[in-house]
Amino acid sequence: MIKYKTREEIEIMREAAQVVSRTLGKVAEAIEEGVTPLELDAIAEAYIRSENAIPGFLGLYDFPNTLCISINEQVVHGIPTNEPIKDGDIVSVDCGAIFEGYYGDHAYTFGVGNVSPEVQKLLKVTQECLDIGIAQTRAGNRIGDIGFYIQQHAEKHGYGVVRELVGHGLGTTMHEEPQVPNFGRRGRGKKIQEGLTIAIEPMINLGTERVKYLKDNWTIVTSDLKPSAHFEHDVAVVDGKPDVLSTFDFVHQALAKKEGRVF
């Protein structure tokens, strides 16, 4: 059953999402060649707790960390390690936080150092897929419209769209109805209505859409070991239109500052 939210609940969820957005901004400040995923994880946990929030992933389904950090061919659910990040890596950072009983859930894939043009294009197109999916999150459309247009854009560029992993409803629990696939058919699925709150998260692979689990039973990698990108926003339907509760602004500000640019 879909749990539609009131305006008051949506505003609390906006605060939860913004905690996660600011946390990803802190990660953006710190991420570079030589930093370890566990160091980023510690930064994120400390910041979330400083905001009177609770790490949303830590202990969820027995996950051991605050962040899911997935590098290169890792699609999602990577467990942070002490292995330093290398020049040319792409690093997907997925973060959750609980604020006043509601979840925020938000992800960004960072390019570190000299990322190949081919992989830079994958990152760009995956962000475009997210924007395209958000634009379809309007009252009267159906969930299948979101996935259809994401899939169409990704496959136009020859990329694989992961089938086993999907976006989801969000609220007082991390995963609520409905599931929000990144593939599908127009006009199918649940009708989008006022008060819907979902996490839209394209997971797009440079090669095949097929994936497999590693032995840790968490980390999911592409079957052909080619890179994968993952971007995610929290979106509510307000006045019939998509209202993005999370933001990449803090990430972009941090990256611009590191590069000496004005954001």
Protein backbone atom coordinates (compact mmCIF):
# COMPACT_ATOMS: atom_id res chain seq x y z
CA MET A 1 0.00 0.00 0.00
CA ILE A 2 1.31 3.45 -0.93
CA LYS A 3 1.53 5.88 1.98
CA TYR A 4 0.75 9.34 0.62
CA LYS A 5 2.20 12.18 2.69
CA THR A 6 0.73 15.41 3.99
CA ARG A 7 2.41 18.76 3.32
CA GLU A 8 3.71 18.70 6.91
CA GLU A 9 5.25 15.26 6.45
CA ILE A 10 6.82 16.32 3.16
CA GLU A 11 8.50 19.27 4.85
CA ILE A 12 10.02 16.96 7.48
CA MET A 13 11.19 14.69 4.66
CA ARG A 14 12.73 17.71 2.96
CA GLU A 15 14.77 18.33 6.12
CA ALA A 16 15.86 14.68 6.19
CA ALA A 17 16.83 14.82 2.51
CA GLN A 18 18.76 18.04 3.05
CA VAL A 19 20.75 16.45 5.88
CA VAL A 20 21.82 13.81 3.38
CA SER A 21 22.55 16.45 0.75
CA ARG A 22 24.82 18.35 3.13
CA THR A 23 26.49 15.09 4.12
CA LEU A 24 27.29 14.38 0.49
CA GLY A 25 28.71 17.90 0.34
CA LYS A 26 31.08 16.97 3.19
CA VAL A 27 32.06 13.84 1.28
CA ALA A 28 32.70 15.98 -1.82
CA GLU A 29 35.06 18.17 0.21
CA ALA A 30 37.09 15.15 1.32
CA ILE A 31 37.04 12.76 -1.62
CA GLU A 32 40.30 12.58 -3.55
CA GLU A 33 43.00 10.16 -4.57
CA GLY A 34 44.44 8.41 -1.49
CA VAL A 35 41.43 8.86 0.78
CA THR A 36 39.85 5.61 1.95
CA PRO A 37 36.13 4.83 1.85
CA LEU A 38 36.20 4.20 5.61
CA GLU A 39 37.52 7.73 6.16
CA LEU A 40 34.61 9.11 4.13
CA ASP A 41 32.23 6.90 6.11
CA ALA A 42 33.49 8.35 9.40
CA ILE A 43 33.06 11.91 8.10
CA ALA A 44 29.49 11.15 7.06
CA GLU A 45 28.48 9.52 10.33
CA ALA A 46 29.90 12.36 12.42
CA TYR A 47 28.14 15.00 10.32
CA ILE A 48 24.75 13.25 10.33
CA ARG A 49 24.86 12.92 14.13
CA SER A 50 25.88 16.57 14.46
CA GLU A 51 22.61 17.45 12.69
CA ASN A 52 20.53 15.64 15.32
CA ALA A 53 19.84 12.92 12.79
CA ILE A 54 20.59 9.19 12.71
CA PRO A 55 22.54 7.36 10.00
CA GLY A 56 19.83 5.66 7.99
CA PHE A 57 21.87 2.79 6.57
CA LEU A 58 23.88 1.83 9.66
CA GLY A 59 22.34 -1.42 10.90
CA LEU A 60 19.56 -1.39 8.30
CA TYR A 61 19.17 -5.02 7.23
CA ASP A 62 22.43 -5.46 9.21
CA PHE A 63 24.43 -3.21 6.87
CA PRO A 64 27.65 -2.33 8.77
CA ASN A 65 28.26 1.29 7.75
CA THR A 66 26.80 4.77 7.27
CA LEU A 67 27.60 4.98 3.56
CA CYS A 68 27.34 2.56 0.68
CA ILE A 69 30.47 3.28 -1.35
CA SER A 70 30.65 1.52 -4.71
CA ILE A 71 33.70 1.97 -6.93
CA ASN A 72 33.97 1.51 -10.70
CA GLU A 73 32.24 -1.78 -11.62
CA GLN A 74 30.46 -1.87 -8.26
CA VAL A 75 26.87 -0.81 -8.89
CA VAL A 76 25.52 -0.30 -5.36
CA HIS A 77 25.75 -1.49 -1.74
CA GLY A 78 29.54 -1.45 -1.58
CA ILE A 79 30.89 -1.80 1.97
CA PRO A 80 33.50 0.88 2.79
CA THR A 81 37.07 -0.45 3.09
CA ASN A 82 40.56 0.79 3.92
CA GLU A 83 41.69 0.54 0.30
CA PRO A 84 42.60 4.06 -0.93
CA ILE A 85 40.66 5.58 -3.79
CA LYS A 86 42.74 5.81 -6.96
CA ASP A 87 43.12 8.36 -9.73
CA GLY A 88 40.53 7.69 -12.42
CA ASP A 89 38.08 5.89 -10.12
CA ILE A 90 34.39 6.68 -10.11
CA VAL A 91 32.90 6.43 -6.65
CA SER A 92 29.17 6.09 -6.01
CA VAL A 93 28.28 7.36 -2.54
CA ASP A 94 24.79 6.45 -1.33
CA CYS A 95 23.71 7.92 2.01
CA GLY A 96 20.64 7.80 4.21
CA ALA A 97 19.58 9.73 7.32
CA ILE A 98 16.62 9.66 9.68
CA PHE A 99 15.35 13.03 10.87
CA GLU A 100 12.32 13.27 13.15
CA GLY A 101 11.34 9.75 12.15
CA TYR A 102 11.55 10.20 8.36
CA TYR A 103 14.19 9.01 5.92
CA GLY A 104 16.27 10.88 3.40
CA ASP A 105 18.05 8.72 0.76
CA HIS A 106 20.32 10.30 -1.79
CA ALA A 107 23.31 9.32 -3.98
CA TYR A 108 26.00 10.86 -6.17
CA THR A 109 28.76 9.30 -8.28
CA PHE A 110 32.05 11.19 -8.08
CA GLY A 111 34.80 11.14 -10.67
CA VAL A 112 38.22 11.24 -9.00
CA GLY A 113 41.14 12.73 -10.89
CA ASN A 114 41.64 11.76 -14.51
CA VAL A 115 38.44 9.93 -15.43
CA SER A 116 38.30 8.73 -19.03
CA PRO A 117 36.02 10.63 -21.45
CA GLU A 118 34.01 7.44 -21.98
CA VAL A 119 33.22 7.18 -18.26
CA GLN A 120 32.63 10.93 -17.92
CA LYS A 121 29.91 10.53 -20.55
CA LEU A 122 28.35 7.70 -18.52
CA LEU A 123 28.17 9.99 -15.48
CA LYS A 124 26.60 12.78 -17.53
CA VAL A 125 23.99 10.56 -19.14
CA THR A 126 23.07 8.92 -15.82
CA GLN A 127 22.42 12.35 -14.30
CA GLU A 128 20.31 13.17 -17.33
CA CYS A 129 18.35 9.96 -16.75
CA LEU A 130 17.62 11.11 -13.21
CA ASP A 131 16.36 14.48 -14.42
CA ILE A 132 14.22 12.80 -17.06
CA GLY A 133 12.67 10.47 -14.48
CA ILE A 134 11.93 13.36 -12.13
CA ALA A 135 10.16 15.26 -14.92
CA GLN A 136 7.72 12.35 -15.32
CA THR A 137 6.77 12.39 -11.62
CA ARG A 138 3.52 14.27 -12.14
CA ALA A 139 -0.02 13.59 -10.99
CA GLY A 140 -1.87 11.62 -13.63
CA ASN A 141 1.22 9.88 -15.01
CA ARG A 142 2.07 6.34 -14.01
CA ILE A 143 5.16 4.83 -12.40
CA GLY A 144 5.95 3.06 -15.67
CA ASP A 145 6.38 6.44 -17.38
CA ILE A 146 9.36 7.20 -15.13
CA GLY A 147 11.15 3.97 -16.01
CA PHE A 148 10.26 4.11 -19.69
CA TYR A 149 11.90 7.46 -20.29
CA ILE A 150 14.95 6.64 -18.15
CA GLN A 151 15.45 3.41 -20.07
CA GLN A 152 14.94 5.09 -23.43
CA HIS A 153 17.59 7.72 -22.72
CA ALA A 154 20.16 5.28 -21.33
CA GLU A 155 19.76 2.72 -24.09
CA LYS A 156 19.94 5.43 -26.75
CA HIS A 157 23.58 5.79 -25.66
CA GLY A 158 24.16 2.03 -25.66
CA TYR A 159 24.16 1.62 -21.88
CA GLY A 160 22.71 -1.18 -19.77
CA VAL A 161 19.87 -0.43 -17.35
CA VAL A 162 20.01 -2.59 -14.23
CA ARG A 163 16.84 -4.67 -13.80
CA GLU A 164 17.37 -6.27 -10.37
CA LEU A 165 17.56 -2.97 -8.47
CA VAL A 166 14.95 -0.22 -8.44
CA GLY A 167 13.94 3.04 -6.79
CA HIS A 168 11.25 3.01 -4.15
CA GLY A 169 8.76 4.81 -1.98
CA LEU A 170 10.21 6.61 1.02
CA GLY A 171 8.88 7.79 4.37
CA THR A 172 9.04 6.50 7.93
CA THR A 173 10.73 3.42 6.52
CA MET A 174 13.52 3.32 3.96
CA HIS A 175 11.66 1.17 1.46
CA GLU A 176 7.95 1.74 0.94
CA GLU A 177 5.62 1.07 -1.96
CA PRO A 178 5.77 1.64 -4.85
CA GLN A 179 8.83 0.17 -6.48
CA VAL A 180 10.20 2.60 -9.08
CA PRO A 181 12.05 0.69 -11.83
CA ASN A 182 14.43 2.43 -14.22
CA PHE A 183 12.83 0.54 -17.10
CA GLY A 184 9.28 -0.17 -18.13
CA ARG A 185 6.35 0.72 -20.35
CA ARG A 186 4.46 3.97 -20.62
CA GLY A 187 1.03 4.02 -19.04
CA ARG A 188 1.72 1.05 -16.78
CA GLY A 189 2.02 0.78 -13.02
CA LYS A 190 0.50 2.76 -10.18
CA LYS A 191 -0.99 6.15 -10.98
CA ILE A 192 1.05 9.04 -9.59
CA GLN A 193 -0.94 11.10 -7.11
CA GLU A 194 -0.56 14.11 -4.83
CA GLY A 195 1.55 13.31 -1.78
CA LEU A 196 3.59 10.51 -3.36
CA THR A 197 7.17 10.46 -2.04
CA ILE A 198 9.74 8.34 -3.88
CA ALA A 199 13.46 7.89 -4.36
CA ILE A 200 14.35 7.86 -8.06
CA GLU A 201 17.77 6.29 -8.64
CA PRO A 202 19.00 5.33 -12.09
CA MET A 203 21.74 2.67 -11.99
CA ILE A 204 23.24 2.70 -15.46
CA ASN A 205 26.08 0.48 -16.70
CA LEU A 206 28.64 1.23 -19.39
CA GLY A 207 28.15 -2.29 -20.74
CA THR A 208 25.69 -5.07 -19.95
CA GLU A 209 22.68 -4.55 -17.69
CA ARG A 210 23.48 -7.85 -15.95
CA VAL A 211 24.85 -7.81 -12.41
CA LYS A 212 26.07 -10.25 -9.75
CA TYR A 213 26.70 -10.28 -5.99
CA LEU A 214 30.14 -10.49 -4.44
CA LYS A 215 30.88 -12.93 -1.62
CA ASP A 216 30.09 -10.32 1.05
CA ASN A 217 26.41 -10.68 -0.02
CA TRP A 218 26.10 -6.88 -0.23
CA THR A 219 28.24 -5.51 -3.03
CA ILE A 220 26.67 -5.77 -6.49
CA VAL A 221 28.93 -5.52 -9.55
CA THR A 222 28.42 -5.50 -13.30
CA SER A 223 28.77 -8.94 -14.86
CA ASP A 224 31.26 -7.65 -17.44
CA LEU A 225 33.14 -5.57 -14.80
CA LYS A 226 32.61 -2.35 -16.75
CA PRO A 227 31.85 0.83 -14.75
CA SER A 228 28.41 1.71 -13.40
CA ALA A 229 26.98 5.08 -12.32
CA HIS A 230 24.29 5.84 -9.74
CA PHE A 231 22.52 9.12 -8.96
CA GLU A 232 19.50 9.49 -6.68
CA HIS A 233 17.06 12.18 -5.53
CA ASP A 234 14.07 12.20 -3.19
CA VAL A 235 10.97 13.53 -4.94
CA ALA A 236 7.48 14.44 -3.70
CA VAL A 237 4.40 15.25 -5.74
CA VAL A 238 3.19 18.69 -4.61
CA ASP A 239 0.45 20.58 -6.46
CA GLY A 240 0.61 17.81 -9.02
CA LYS A 241 4.26 18.48 -9.92
CA PRO A 242 7.63 17.01 -8.89
CA ASP A 243 9.20 18.70 -5.87
CA VAL A 244 12.82 17.57 -5.45
CA LEU A 245 13.52 17.37 -1.72
CA SER A 246 17.25 16.68 -1.99
CA THR A 247 19.86 18.73 -3.87
CA PHE A 248 23.27 18.34 -5.48
CA ASP A 249 24.09 21.99 -4.73
CA PHE A 250 26.31 21.20 -1.74
CA VAL A 251 28.26 18.66 -3.80
CA HIS A 252 28.67 21.07 -6.70
CA GLN A 253 29.74 23.92 -4.39
CA ALA A 254 32.39 21.73 -2.76
CA LEU A 255 33.73 20.45 -6.08
CA ALA A 256 33.82 23.95 -7.57
CA LYS A 257 35.75 25.26 -4.55
CA LYS A 258 38.31 22.46 -4.86
CA GLU A 259 38.76 23.31 -8.53
CA GLY A 260 38.99 27.05 -7.85
CA ARG A 261 35.73 27.80 -9.66
CA VAL A 262 32.83 30.00 -8.60
CA PHE A 263 29.62 27.99 -8.24
